[in-house]
Each structure stands twice: as structure tokens, then as C-alpha cells.
Protein backbone atom coordinates (compact mmCIF):
# COMPACT_ATOMS: atom_id res chain seq x y z
CA MET A 1 149.45 -38.94 191.29
CA SER A 2 151.38 -42.08 191.11
CA GLY A 3 154.57 -43.73 192.32
CA TYR A 4 157.27 -44.97 189.97
CA ASP A 5 159.78 -48.25 189.47
CA PHE A 6 162.75 -48.43 187.62
CA SER A 7 164.51 -51.63 185.63
CA PRO A 8 168.01 -52.23 185.91
CA LEU A 9 170.08 -50.58 183.12
CA TYR A 10 170.49 -53.08 179.91
CA HIS A 11 172.62 -51.90 176.66
CA ALA A 12 171.14 -50.36 173.65
CA ALA A 13 171.49 -47.89 171.09
CA HIS A 14 167.94 -47.60 169.61
CA LEU A 15 165.19 -49.10 170.81
CA ALA A 16 161.16 -48.65 170.21
CA PHE A 17 157.73 -50.98 171.66
CA SER A 18 155.80 -52.89 169.89
CA PRO A 19 151.87 -51.25 169.08
CA GLY A 20 150.38 -52.86 171.68
CA SER A 21 153.15 -51.66 174.26
CA THR A 22 154.00 -55.49 175.28
CA PHE A 23 157.15 -55.49 173.30
CA LEU A 24 160.69 -53.69 173.18
CA ALA A 25 162.57 -53.83 170.72
CA THR A 26 166.46 -53.02 171.23
CA ALA A 27 169.70 -52.75 169.21
CA HIS A 28 173.23 -53.00 170.58
CA GLU A 29 175.90 -53.04 167.91
CA LYS A 30 174.99 -56.29 166.17
CA ARG A 31 172.06 -57.70 168.32
CA VAL A 32 168.61 -57.02 167.98
CA ILE A 33 166.49 -58.43 170.95
CA ILE A 34 162.65 -58.44 171.95
CA ARG A 35 162.02 -58.28 175.21
CA SER A 36 158.75 -58.31 177.57
CA THR A 37 158.30 -54.82 178.57
CA ASN A 38 156.88 -55.87 181.66
CA ASN A 39 160.23 -57.74 183.25
CA LEU A 40 162.54 -57.41 180.26
CA ALA A 41 162.55 -60.98 179.76
CA ILE A 42 164.18 -61.69 176.46
CA VAL A 43 161.47 -63.14 174.10
CA ARG A 44 163.97 -63.14 170.73
CA ALA A 45 167.14 -62.04 169.61
CA TRP A 46 168.91 -62.10 166.03
CA HIS A 47 172.30 -61.63 165.26
CA LEU A 48 173.41 -59.63 162.07
CA ALA A 49 176.30 -61.16 161.26
CA SER A 50 176.39 -59.64 157.85
CA LEU A 51 177.25 -56.29 159.23
CA ALA A 52 180.71 -54.51 159.24
CA PRO A 53 182.50 -53.91 162.46
CA SER A 54 182.34 -50.22 161.61
CA ASP A 55 178.16 -49.95 160.51
CA LEU A 56 176.08 -49.23 163.22
CA VAL A 57 172.27 -49.63 163.31
CA SER A 58 170.43 -46.82 162.60
CA SER A 59 166.82 -47.05 164.01
CA VAL A 60 164.03 -49.67 164.86
CA GLN A 61 160.83 -50.10 163.77
CA TRP A 62 157.34 -52.08 164.44
CA SER A 63 155.22 -52.58 161.58
CA ASP A 64 151.57 -51.24 162.35
CA ASP A 65 150.44 -54.94 163.53
CA GLY A 66 153.26 -55.87 165.84
CA LEU A 67 154.53 -58.59 163.35
CA TYR A 68 157.48 -57.35 162.02
CA ILE A 69 160.06 -55.27 163.03
CA LEU A 70 162.17 -53.01 160.46
CA VAL A 71 166.39 -52.61 161.27
CA PHE A 72 168.01 -49.87 159.12
CA SER A 73 171.87 -49.54 159.36
CA ARG A 74 172.41 -46.34 156.83
CA SER A 75 176.56 -46.34 157.06
CA ALA A 76 175.95 -49.91 155.33
CA GLY A 77 172.99 -48.70 153.23
CA VAL A 78 170.99 -52.08 154.08
CA ALA A 79 167.62 -52.55 155.77
CA TRP A 80 166.01 -56.00 157.61
CA VAL A 81 162.48 -56.81 158.22
CA LEU A 82 162.40 -59.39 160.65
CA GLY A 83 159.49 -61.61 161.81
CA LEU A 84 158.35 -61.90 165.57
CA GLY A 85 156.78 -64.98 164.89
CA ALA A 86 158.09 -66.05 161.15
CA VAL A 87 161.87 -67.46 160.76
CA GLY A 88 163.33 -66.06 157.81
CA GLU A 89 165.40 -67.39 155.32
CA GLY A 90 168.01 -64.70 155.10
CA GLU A 91 171.67 -64.88 156.18
CA ASP A 92 170.83 -62.99 159.51
CA GLY A 93 167.27 -64.74 159.83
CA GLU A 94 165.74 -61.92 158.38
CA VAL A 95 162.67 -62.19 156.71
CA ALA A 96 163.38 -59.53 153.54
CA LYS A 97 166.77 -57.39 153.23
CA ILE A 98 166.51 -54.24 151.36
CA MET A 99 169.42 -52.29 149.75
CA GLY A 100 169.99 -49.07 147.87
CA GLY A 101 169.51 -49.40 144.05
CA GLY A 102 172.55 -49.36 142.49
CA VAL A 103 175.37 -46.96 144.15
CA GLU A 104 172.68 -44.66 145.58
CA GLY A 105 172.69 -46.22 148.94
CA LEU A 106 170.00 -45.79 151.15
CA GLU A 107 169.31 -42.92 153.43
CA ARG A 108 165.92 -43.48 155.63
CA VAL A 109 163.56 -46.33 155.33
CA GLU A 110 159.91 -46.79 157.17
CA TRP A 111 156.92 -48.48 157.31
CA ALA A 112 154.11 -47.92 154.94
CA LYS A 113 150.83 -47.38 157.00
CA GLY A 114 148.36 -50.00 157.03
CA GLY A 115 150.25 -52.70 154.83
CA ARG A 116 153.04 -54.93 154.14
CA GLU A 117 155.02 -51.79 152.21
CA VAL A 118 158.60 -50.33 153.03
CA LEU A 119 159.16 -46.90 152.08
CA ALA A 120 162.95 -46.28 151.53
CA TRP A 121 164.89 -43.23 150.12
CA GLY A 122 167.84 -42.78 148.29
CA GLU A 123 170.66 -41.09 149.31
CA HIS A 124 170.84 -38.20 146.91
CA GLY A 125 167.32 -37.45 146.79
CA LEU A 126 166.41 -39.21 143.36
CA LYS A 127 163.82 -41.70 143.82
CA LEU A 128 161.38 -43.01 146.87
CA LEU A 129 161.23 -46.58 145.99
CA ILE A 130 158.47 -49.02 147.80
CA TYR A 131 159.20 -52.24 148.64
CA THR A 132 156.12 -54.55 148.68
CA LEU A 133 157.00 -57.38 151.10
CA SER A 134 153.75 -59.65 150.43
CA THR A 135 155.01 -60.25 146.22
CA GLY A 136 158.76 -58.60 146.17
CA GLN A 137 157.88 -56.20 144.07
CA THR A 138 159.19 -52.35 143.89
CA SER A 139 158.07 -49.37 142.61
CA ALA A 140 159.57 -45.76 142.45
CA ILE A 141 158.41 -42.15 142.73
CA GLN A 142 161.00 -39.78 141.49
CA ASP A 143 162.54 -36.56 142.54
CA PRO A 144 161.03 -36.67 146.03
CA LYS A 145 161.90 -33.19 147.30
CA ALA A 146 163.26 -34.87 151.18
CA SER A 147 163.18 -37.85 153.11
CA THR A 148 161.95 -36.09 156.35
CA GLY A 149 159.21 -33.77 156.63
CA CYS A 150 158.01 -33.92 152.92
CA HIS A 151 155.54 -36.88 152.54
CA LYS A 152 152.20 -37.23 154.45
CA TYR A 153 149.73 -40.00 154.34
CA SER A 154 146.06 -38.98 154.35
CA PRO A 155 143.77 -39.64 157.31
CA ASP A 156 142.53 -42.91 156.27
CA HIS A 157 145.79 -44.20 154.99
CA ARG A 158 144.48 -44.47 151.78
CA TYR A 159 146.62 -41.60 149.82
CA LEU A 160 150.26 -40.48 150.17
CA ALA A 161 151.20 -37.19 149.58
CA VAL A 162 154.52 -36.87 148.32
CA ALA A 163 156.35 -33.24 147.99
CA GLU A 164 158.51 -33.06 144.54
CA ARG A 165 160.85 -31.03 142.43
CA HIS A 166 160.71 -31.35 138.59
CA SER A 167 162.84 -29.31 136.00
CA GLY A 168 163.51 -26.80 139.38
CA LYS A 169 159.69 -26.83 140.03
CA GLU A 170 157.64 -27.75 142.79
CA SER A 171 154.48 -30.23 143.11
CA VAL A 172 152.93 -32.27 145.10
CA GLY A 173 151.85 -36.03 143.96
CA LEU A 174 149.46 -38.12 145.31
CA TYR A 175 149.29 -41.81 145.12
CA ASP A 176 146.62 -44.28 145.52
CA THR A 177 148.30 -47.07 148.53
CA ALA A 178 145.37 -49.70 147.45
CA ASP A 179 146.76 -49.48 143.63
CA GLY A 180 150.55 -50.07 144.05
CA TYR A 181 150.82 -46.42 144.80
CA ALA A 182 149.98 -45.70 141.23
CA LEU A 183 150.29 -41.74 140.82
CA VAL A 184 146.45 -40.47 141.22
CA ARG A 185 147.49 -36.45 140.41
CA ASN A 186 150.19 -34.09 140.67
CA PHE A 187 149.74 -30.43 141.29
CA SER A 188 151.72 -27.57 140.93
CA LEU A 189 152.80 -25.26 143.63
CA GLN A 190 153.58 -21.61 144.29
CA ALA A 191 156.12 -22.27 147.02
CA SER A 192 159.66 -21.87 145.73
CA ASP A 193 161.69 -24.39 148.41
CA VAL A 194 159.28 -26.61 150.27
CA GLN A 195 160.07 -27.60 153.46
CA ASN A 196 156.82 -29.38 154.99
CA ILE A 197 153.75 -30.99 154.19
CA SER A 198 150.81 -31.75 156.42
CA TRP A 199 147.64 -33.56 155.72
CA SER A 200 144.66 -32.24 158.17
CA PRO A 201 143.26 -34.47 160.71
CA CYS A 202 140.12 -34.39 158.84
CA GLY A 203 141.47 -35.00 155.30
CA ARG A 204 140.35 -31.68 153.78
CA PHE A 205 143.70 -30.04 153.70
CA ILE A 206 147.01 -30.31 152.79
CA ALA A 207 149.22 -27.67 154.08
CA VAL A 208 152.57 -26.70 152.67
CA VAL A 209 155.10 -24.72 154.25
CA ASP A 210 157.37 -22.69 152.14
CA SER A 211 161.21 -21.59 152.38
CA HIS A 212 162.47 -20.77 155.96
CA LEU A 213 163.22 -17.26 154.76
CA SER A 214 159.48 -16.39 153.97
CA TYR A 215 157.04 -17.17 156.22
CA SER A 216 154.42 -18.50 154.11
CA VAL A 217 152.00 -21.60 154.22
CA TYR A 218 149.72 -22.68 151.52
CA ILE A 219 146.52 -24.17 152.03
CA HIS A 220 145.68 -26.81 149.53
CA SER A 221 142.55 -29.14 148.55
CA PRO A 222 144.03 -32.78 148.33
CA ILE A 223 142.42 -32.38 144.60
CA GLY A 224 144.51 -29.83 143.83
CA PRO A 225 143.14 -26.31 144.14
CA LEU A 226 144.82 -23.60 146.24
CA LEU A 227 142.46 -22.83 149.44
CA THR A 228 144.23 -19.87 150.89
CA HIS A 229 147.77 -18.59 151.01
CA PHE A 230 148.95 -17.21 154.78
CA SER A 231 152.01 -15.07 155.18
CA HIS A 232 152.82 -11.59 157.05
CA LEU A 233 150.66 -9.77 154.47
CA SER A 234 147.71 -11.34 155.59
CA PRO A 235 145.08 -8.99 156.75
CA THR A 236 144.57 -11.29 159.98
CA TYR A 237 148.62 -11.95 160.36
CA SER A 238 148.12 -10.53 163.70
CA PRO A 239 144.14 -10.21 165.35
CA THR A 240 145.54 -6.24 166.14
CA PRO A 241 147.19 -4.89 163.46
CA SER A 242 150.23 -2.87 164.07
CA ALA A 243 149.72 0.06 161.50
CA LEU A 244 147.34 1.09 159.17
CA SER A 245 148.55 3.11 156.06
CA THR A 246 147.73 6.55 154.52
CA THR A 247 147.72 8.38 152.15
CA PRO A 248 149.47 11.96 151.90
CA SER A 249 146.54 13.79 152.08
CA GLY A 250 144.84 12.01 154.62
CA PRO A 251 143.09 8.28 155.82
CA SER A 252 142.75 6.34 152.63
CA SER A 253 139.22 5.21 151.87
CA ALA A 254 140.38 1.34 151.98
CA ALA A 255 143.17 1.33 154.16
CA THR A 256 145.94 -1.23 153.70
CA ILE A 257 147.19 -3.36 157.24
CA ILE A 258 150.99 -3.47 157.62
CA HIS A 259 152.68 -6.14 159.23
CA GLU A 260 156.21 -6.40 160.17
CA ASP A 261 158.38 -8.68 158.50
CA PRO A 262 159.47 -11.49 160.47
CA GLY A 263 162.58 -12.04 158.36
CA LEU A 264 162.46 -15.71 158.44
CA GLY A 265 159.54 -18.68 158.29
CA ILE A 266 157.66 -21.55 159.61
CA ARG A 267 159.87 -23.42 161.66
CA HIS A 268 156.95 -26.33 162.70
CA LEU A 269 153.21 -26.74 162.38
CA GLU A 270 150.36 -29.10 164.41
CA TRP A 271 147.18 -29.66 163.50
CA VAL A 272 144.50 -30.19 166.56
CA PRO A 273 143.32 -33.02 166.29
CA GLY A 274 139.83 -32.65 164.17
CA GLY A 275 141.62 -30.16 161.78
CA GLN A 276 139.65 -27.32 163.31
CA TYR A 277 142.73 -25.25 163.83
CA LEU A 278 146.50 -25.32 162.78
CA LEU A 279 149.31 -24.14 164.87
CA LEU A 280 152.54 -22.25 163.43
CA LEU A 281 155.56 -21.81 165.04
CA GLY A 282 157.34 -19.09 163.53
CA TRP A 283 161.44 -18.72 163.75
CA ASP A 284 160.45 -15.50 165.42
CA GLY A 285 159.13 -17.99 168.07
CA LYS A 286 155.82 -16.93 168.14
CA VAL A 287 152.89 -19.04 167.49
CA ARG A 288 150.01 -18.47 165.58
CA VAL A 289 146.57 -20.21 165.66
CA LEU A 290 144.65 -20.59 162.28
CA GLU A 291 141.44 -21.55 162.17
CA ALA A 292 140.26 -23.71 158.92
CA GLU A 293 136.99 -22.21 157.60
CA GLU A 294 138.35 -18.23 156.57
CA TRP A 295 141.94 -19.15 157.75
CA ARG A 296 141.93 -16.29 159.96
CA CYS A 297 144.56 -15.79 162.82
CA MET A 298 142.28 -16.03 165.68
CA ALA A 299 145.72 -15.49 168.33
CA VAL A 300 149.36 -14.74 168.42
CA LEU A 301 151.26 -16.49 171.80
CA ASN A 302 154.77 -15.57 172.91
CA GLY A 303 156.30 -18.02 174.54
CA GLY A 304 159.71 -15.66 175.39
CA MET A 305 158.00 -13.63 178.49
CA PRO A 306 159.50 -12.30 181.54
CA LYS A 307 156.75 -12.77 183.75
CA VAL A 308 153.09 -14.82 183.44
CA GLY A 309 149.60 -13.58 184.42
CA LYS A 310 148.60 -13.59 187.62
CA ASN A 311 145.81 -17.39 186.91
CA VAL A 312 149.29 -19.10 185.82
CA THR A 313 150.94 -21.51 187.91
CA VAL A 314 154.41 -21.09 188.15
CA TRP A 315 156.54 -24.48 188.95
CA ARG A 316 160.22 -24.04 189.97
CA GLU A 317 162.79 -27.14 190.15
CA PRO A 318 164.07 -27.33 193.58
CA GLU A 319 167.63 -26.56 194.42
CA GLY A 320 169.63 -29.75 194.72
CA TRP A 321 167.15 -32.21 195.32
CA ILE A 322 168.87 -34.88 193.52
CA LYS A 323 171.31 -34.83 196.31
CA ASP A 324 169.28 -34.06 199.25
CA THR A 325 167.27 -37.87 197.97
CA ARG A 326 169.91 -39.66 197.22
CA GLY A 327 169.12 -39.96 193.82
CA ARG A 328 165.89 -42.14 194.75
CA GLY A 329 163.81 -39.57 195.68
CA ILE A 330 159.74 -37.91 193.97
CA VAL A 331 159.99 -34.25 194.70
CA GLN A 332 157.16 -32.11 193.98
CA PHE A 333 158.42 -28.71 192.26
CA ASP A 334 158.11 -25.53 193.99
CA GLN A 335 155.06 -23.20 193.28
CA THR A 336 156.14 -19.42 193.07
CA PRO A 337 153.66 -16.74 194.50
CA PHE A 338 152.16 -14.29 191.92
CA ASN A 339 154.12 -11.90 189.69
CA SER A 340 157.45 -14.50 190.49
CA PRO A 341 159.83 -13.33 186.97
CA LEU A 342 160.87 -16.14 184.55
CA PRO A 343 164.10 -16.09 183.28
CA SER A 344 165.23 -13.30 181.08
CA PRO A 345 164.74 -14.33 177.17
CA THR A 346 167.72 -13.92 175.42
CA SER A 347 167.82 -11.36 172.27
CA SER A 348 167.32 -14.21 169.74
CA ALA A 349 165.23 -16.73 168.88
CA VAL A 350 166.90 -18.37 166.01
CA GLY A 351 169.79 -19.39 167.90
CA ALA A 352 168.27 -22.23 169.80
CA TYR A 353 166.93 -24.08 166.86
CA SER A 354 170.31 -24.11 164.82
CA THR A 355 171.25 -27.34 166.24
CA PRO A 356 169.77 -31.15 165.48
CA SER A 357 168.92 -31.90 168.93
CA SER A 358 167.45 -28.80 169.45
CA PRO A 359 163.80 -30.13 171.54
CA LEU A 360 160.60 -29.79 169.56
CA PRO A 361 159.45 -26.60 170.30
CA LEU A 362 156.11 -26.79 169.88
CA SER A 363 153.88 -30.04 170.43
CA ILE A 364 150.15 -30.74 171.22
CA SER A 365 148.56 -33.80 173.42
CA PRO A 366 146.91 -37.14 171.67
CA SER A 367 143.79 -35.43 173.38
CA GLY A 368 143.79 -31.85 171.71
CA ARG A 369 142.93 -30.51 175.19
CA HIS A 370 146.82 -29.16 175.72
CA PHE A 371 149.84 -28.09 174.31
CA LEU A 372 153.31 -27.00 175.25
CA LEU A 373 155.69 -24.37 174.21
CA LEU A 374 159.56 -24.45 174.35
CA PRO A 375 160.37 -20.86 173.92
CA PRO A 376 163.89 -21.01 172.00
CA ASN A 377 165.09 -18.05 173.72
CA GLN A 378 164.24 -19.23 177.25
CA PRO A 379 165.54 -22.97 176.73
CA THR A 380 165.14 -23.64 180.76
CA VAL A 381 161.37 -23.28 180.78
CA MET A 382 158.16 -25.11 179.26
CA HIS A 383 155.07 -23.12 178.84
CA ILE A 384 151.57 -25.51 179.11
CA TYR A 385 148.56 -24.04 177.74
CA THR A 386 144.93 -25.58 176.98
CA LEU A 387 142.89 -25.59 173.94
CA ILE A 388 139.23 -25.92 173.62
CA PRO A 389 137.61 -25.48 170.32
CA ALA A 390 134.49 -22.82 169.66
CA PRO A 391 133.31 -23.75 166.67
CA GLY A 392 132.86 -20.44 164.27
CA ALA A 393 135.19 -18.16 166.85
CA ALA A 394 138.12 -17.84 168.24
CA PRO A 395 139.19 -20.83 170.38
CA SER A 396 139.70 -20.96 174.19
CA ILE A 397 143.51 -20.65 175.17
CA LYS A 398 145.06 -20.55 178.61
CA HIS A 399 147.94 -20.55 179.89
CA LYS A 400 147.62 -23.06 182.20
CA ALA A 401 151.37 -23.68 183.81
CA ALA A 402 155.23 -22.70 183.16
CA VAL A 403 157.82 -24.90 184.57
CA VAL A 404 161.44 -23.49 184.83
CA PHE A 405 163.97 -26.17 185.30
CA SER A 406 167.68 -25.60 186.91
CA ARG A 407 169.22 -26.68 183.13
CA ASN A 408 168.21 -26.15 179.45
CA ILE A 409 165.44 -28.58 178.07
CA ARG A 410 166.89 -31.52 176.31
CA SER A 411 163.41 -33.33 175.28
CA ALA A 412 159.59 -33.16 176.54
CA ARG A 413 157.19 -35.77 175.00
CA TRP A 414 153.85 -36.03 175.82
CA ALA A 415 152.41 -39.37 177.00
CA SER A 416 149.66 -41.40 175.13
CA GLY A 417 147.16 -43.97 176.37
CA GLY A 418 144.79 -41.32 177.00
CA LYS A 419 146.98 -39.47 179.78
CA GLU A 420 147.90 -35.67 179.72
CA ARG A 421 151.00 -35.76 180.56
CA VAL A 422 154.36 -34.49 179.85
CA GLY A 423 158.32 -36.28 180.47
CA VAL A 424 160.95 -34.05 180.27
CA VAL A 425 164.50 -34.38 180.20
CA CYS A 426 167.25 -31.70 180.72
CA ARG A 427 171.06 -31.39 179.69
CA SER A 428 173.82 -31.34 182.10
CA SER A 429 176.06 -28.49 182.33
CA GLY A 430 178.74 -30.29 179.97
CA GLY A 431 175.88 -31.11 177.21
CA LYS A 432 175.17 -34.48 177.05
CA GLY A 433 172.42 -34.99 179.12
CA GLN A 434 170.77 -35.25 182.23
CA ALA A 435 173.97 -34.95 184.73
CA GLY A 436 174.40 -38.33 186.76
CA THR A 437 175.61 -37.70 190.70
CA ALA A 438 177.47 -40.31 192.95
CA LEU A 439 174.35 -41.39 194.65
CA GLY A 440 172.73 -42.37 191.49
CA GLY A 441 171.15 -41.22 187.41
CA GLY A 442 170.47 -38.12 187.39
CA GLY A 443 166.53 -36.96 187.25
CA VAL A 444 163.43 -37.33 184.93
CA TYR A 445 160.87 -34.83 185.20
CA ILE A 446 157.16 -35.45 184.76
CA TRP A 447 153.96 -33.00 184.29
CA ASP A 448 150.74 -34.55 185.20
CA GLU A 449 147.64 -32.61 184.47
CA GLU A 450 145.62 -34.34 187.56
CA GLY A 451 146.93 -31.60 190.47
CA TRP A 452 146.28 -32.69 193.38
CA GLU A 453 143.09 -30.96 194.93
CA ASN A 454 144.34 -29.40 198.14
CA GLU A 455 147.46 -28.65 197.32
CA GLY A 456 149.19 -24.92 196.37
CA GLU A 457 146.40 -22.60 197.54
CA THR A 458 148.17 -19.79 195.53
CA ASN A 459 146.01 -16.00 195.12
CA GLY A 460 143.57 -17.79 196.63
CA GLU A 461 143.03 -20.47 194.59
CA GLU A 462 144.05 -24.21 194.25
CA GLY A 463 146.91 -23.60 192.06
CA GLY A 464 148.17 -26.91 191.97
CA ALA A 465 145.02 -28.59 191.31
CA ARG A 466 144.49 -25.60 188.07
CA GLY A 467 148.13 -26.04 186.91
CA GLY A 468 148.40 -29.62 187.40
CA VAL A 469 151.34 -30.82 189.17
CA MET A 470 155.47 -31.16 188.39
CA GLU A 471 157.77 -33.56 189.88
CA GLY A 472 161.28 -34.97 189.50
CA VAL A 473 162.12 -38.26 189.78
CA GLY A 474 165.43 -39.59 190.79
CA ILE A 475 166.55 -42.31 188.72
CA PRO A 476 168.71 -45.06 190.85
CA ASN A 477 170.97 -45.80 188.36
CA GLY A 478 174.32 -44.65 188.75
CA ALA A 479 176.60 -42.06 187.95
CA GLY A 480 177.57 -43.24 184.51
CA PHE A 481 174.11 -43.05 183.03
CA HIS A 482 173.64 -39.84 181.03
CA MET A 483 170.20 -39.44 179.90
CA ASN A 484 170.15 -37.96 176.75
CA GLY A 485 165.85 -39.30 175.64
CA LEU A 486 162.88 -40.76 176.46
CA GLN A 487 160.24 -42.43 175.08
CA PHE A 488 156.48 -43.13 176.47
CA SER A 489 154.72 -46.65 175.20
CA PRO A 490 151.88 -46.73 173.62
CA ASP A 491 149.71 -47.21 176.61
CA GLY A 492 151.06 -44.53 178.25
CA THR A 493 152.42 -46.49 181.41
CA THR A 494 156.00 -47.13 180.83
CA LEU A 495 158.74 -44.78 179.78
CA ALA A 496 161.86 -45.60 178.69
CA LEU A 497 164.75 -43.55 179.62
CA GLN A 498 167.65 -43.43 177.36
CA SER A 499 171.94 -42.87 177.31
CA LYS A 500 173.88 -43.00 174.73
CA GLY A 501 174.15 -46.95 174.41
CA GLU A 502 172.46 -47.77 177.76
CA PHE A 503 168.23 -47.70 178.66
CA CYS A 504 166.33 -48.22 182.12
CA LEU A 505 162.02 -48.80 181.75
CA MET A 506 160.27 -46.30 184.29
CA TYR A 507 156.85 -48.38 185.20
CA ASP A 508 153.56 -46.11 186.57
CA THR A 509 153.29 -48.23 189.84
CA GLU A 510 150.04 -46.21 190.86
CA ASP A 511 151.06 -45.65 194.47
CA ASP A 512 148.66 -43.90 196.90
CA ALA A 513 149.36 -40.30 196.45
CA GLU A 514 149.65 -39.65 200.22
CA ASP A 515 153.31 -41.66 199.09
CA VAL A 516 154.08 -39.34 196.88
CA LYS A 517 153.76 -36.33 198.58
CA GLY A 518 155.92 -37.79 201.48
CA GLY A 519 158.86 -38.59 198.91
CA ALA A 520 158.21 -42.03 198.33
CA LYS A 521 161.55 -43.92 197.08
CA ALA A 522 160.80 -45.39 193.56
CA GLY A 523 162.10 -48.77 192.92
CA ASP A 524 160.46 -50.22 196.16
CA ASP A 525 158.64 -52.81 193.90
CA GLY A 526 161.46 -54.28 191.94
CA ALA A 527 161.49 -57.50 193.54
CA GLN A 528 157.81 -57.80 192.45
CA LYS A 529 159.44 -58.27 188.57
CA GLY A 530 162.17 -60.19 189.97
CA TRP A 531 165.17 -57.41 190.29
CA GLU A 532 166.81 -56.32 193.18
CA THR A 533 165.90 -53.00 194.07
CA GLU A 534 169.75 -52.21 195.29
CA GLY A 535 172.58 -52.46 193.21
CA LEU A 536 171.10 -50.92 190.30
CA SER A 537 174.32 -49.35 189.03
CA PHE A 538 175.69 -51.69 186.59
CA VAL A 539 174.80 -52.83 183.43
CA ARG A 540 173.18 -56.19 183.19
CA GLU A 541 175.53 -58.34 180.60
CA GLU A 542 173.23 -61.32 179.17
CA GLU A 543 174.49 -64.19 176.96
CA GLU A 544 171.40 -64.25 174.92
CA GLU A 545 170.71 -67.07 172.29
CA ASP A 546 170.18 -66.18 168.48
CA ASP A 547 166.85 -67.77 167.79
CA GLY A 548 166.47 -65.94 164.91
CA ARG A 549 167.66 -68.52 162.20
């Protein structure tokens, strides 16, 4: 396992790593700063003088090639394109400025895939504008369904699928990115209220999720034909049917499978890399695994469980570990004995989904070997599963680990860069993120597949190795740092920890496993980056020179 080193705190409301992990873009008030990820030295800075004092930056995004930054202020209805190596001629040093058409304003912007275009949605959902930076031309897609969840690129980024609503009817439009986003085809949908569309990684299927009030997903070919419709009426909705109907005179010759209507729709869906399986998470908290040939449900997982099986490793957060380590330690979670109970599930799975800050409840690792499940009726529990594809048969799904935290989970994210690792942030009792203490800034949690070979023998097996390893890492940044989010760098070696207006970076230093097991202190290598290892509780103030003119 690894040791960790922390940077000092810096101001930032939004941040984003460059595609190669070399740089970090941050936005604070009217200032956009590009820093070196290695030591947070300033590389470039812009001052957005045209932004009104009452307006705020809403997002910062890098282009796929890492040469440009897209900065957006929703309250101002303006987006700026800033060049990392280019000197812009705009009043704020921008290469281009994007504003909503007429009085419509802008609701959201994002980079198009693989090109020099920006997608921009109007506030009232009337049109999706495509700005081509190389030519200055603008094209429009009329009546997009929504700015999030209702558009998806093909795996090769050649086509853009957009859910649309024309004359009260739902449809999907396919647009050719190589031909100026010209319409290739438009096919109608049976769905009454599209919530989400998703193009499979293999490129063969487009999944369309219907209303939140109906458990229904339609699978289309990209050329339009409907391949299947999966709902609670499907024969394989549950691998084991709940009941068979019978006629008054006896069993019918063609018995009909009856399944209980879940009452609500599909909350989230995820394709397994390769597109062999589709995972559906319903508002009832259950995950159904569909295979992508005959579209049968191969497994049903219910995360909200009072106990787990004997081959599942259960990690439990040690009580008071932040105080005991003075906010600077690395502590392994306690491995509980077989058949230890989990926190009792609440009566409803829907309540935890009702707030915008709810964590993403289902997420597959970039490799596709694992997925995590956050049961909405067990907000302090995280489950880790393995998923091994089996062509023509049900996949091998094993419950690998259950992790019990002392506070509700706020965010959980997989690392990229080939590491099977999860970063977790929990809420404080006051709901403002992980609580800081007088001795430190709270903690961040890391689950890693590479468990220690000789640790945690439970039930006659090496539980630590089988269930990975779970650690709590103290943040030595003072009581004022209330963490509310995290973000891994693309190479998976650096983790950005965010509060409402500040951030710090946590670096993986690859310390020896013996140091980690002994509670090695984070921050020991800070001097190598030019930081003092003591006194990290203050926020660094800087006078950055504006060189973006």
C-alpha cells in the first residue's frame, strides 16, 4: 500500500485536472489559474474583468488535447475559451467568448468530443448550439430534451445522439460530427418522457430510459430499430419468478409470469466496458444485470441488507481515529468477524435520492472488474462487487467487501490510471462534508484492491487480501477545512480534496507497506516539494500576475 503527502490549502471554487495530469486549472472569484500538479506553482493566470461582482464561475473544463480551458458562468450566461499556450485578443485574454442567443441565456456548456467545438444549451431548452472555434460558425439542434443525461457520443466520437421532443413526441436525432453536425437520421421513441440515453461502449446499442414513474428501458440500434423493451413485465425481470398465474380450472398451458410492479422507474444505468452487460439501478434500490444478446436479466442485487455472506470482508471505521492520530495518521479499518450485522436499512430507498447532493449510487471501475453500490437506505455503507464476464452465460458477480462508515457517505469515486481504488468523502454531523477537528481537517477514505497478503485472517481465509484494504487518511489542514468533494487526476496518483472555497492535493508517495501499517504520518515528504510540513492549517495567499492578456 501507499503513503500520502498533502499540499497546503489554496483558494478555488472549481478545479479540473488536465488530460495528462500535468496541470490543474482552478477558478476563484474572477481569477482562473493554471498550476503545475507536481508542486502547484502557477503556470498561467487570467483575470475575468468583465464578470460582474455578483456573478460566479460555475465550471472549468479542459479540452481533450489539453490546450484550451472552457470557463463558464451560468449566472452571467457567458463562457470563455482560454488558451494555455495562446494569447487571446479578448478583453479578458480569452481566445473566444460564447454568449446565449438573444434573451435565452446559457444553462450549460461542455467541450464536444475530439474537436474544436463547444456545445451550449439555452436556459429554456429551446436549442442546443454548436460553436465551431476554428471557423466561428454556429449551428443549432432544436428542442433538445435536457442539458444533462440526454445526449451521448458514439464510442469513436463520430456521431452525437440527442434526445429531442418535437410536437409532444420523443425522438432521438443522430448528428455527424465530421459533417458539421449534420442530421443523419431521426427515429421516434415509444418512451413518453425520456430521462437518459446511453450509447454502449461497443457502439451497437443505444439505451433509452423512460419516466421516473415507469420501470422501463428501450434498447435501440443506432440506425433506429427497437431491439427490445425491458420492464417489470419482462419474463426475466427477476431470475426467479415471484409467481405463476393460473386459470380457475387449473394451471394454464401457457403460464404467464407475474412480477411485482416496483412503482418507480430507473434511477441510473451503467454499461460494462465492452458492452456485454447493462446494469440498471432502480428507485427501489435494486440492481439488475442485463446481458446484451437476448437482454435477459441475469442477476438482481439488493444493496440494503442487514447481513452479508461469510465470504464477504466487512470493514468498519475505527471510532475516534482522527482524534487519536491528531489528524495526521493513516489507519486501517477494523475487519469485523463473520456474520456481523450491518446498519439496519431504512424503510424506504427513495428518500436518499431526493437531494441534488446525493452521491452517485452505482459506479463501475474504469477496468470493468469492480463496481460499487451505495444503498440509499443504508447511507453509511458502501459495497464493492467483482464482475467477471462469461460470454453466453451469467457473469460471475461476487460480493467482495462491505465498508461501514461512522457518517453518511457524501461522495465515492473510482481512481483512473489502471488502479482499482476508490476515494470516499463522508458528511459531517452538520451536513457540510467531512468534519474538521481542532487537530486536523477531518479525513478521506481509500479502498484499494491490493490488500496486504498476511493481514486479517477471518473465517480461515486471508480476508484482508480477499476484500482489499480500507484506510482512513487524516488531513493535516486545520478545523476550517470542511471537505465536500474529491477528484482523482487522470493518472490516478493525485487526489484533489475540495471544500466550498478551498482545496488541497493528496499525493500517493508509494511508501513501504510497513510504514503504512505502522500509522505513517501524511505530509512527511512535503519539504521535497518546497512546503513546510508544519503549519498547513492556513490558506496560502498569492499575488498572481495576470499574463493572460
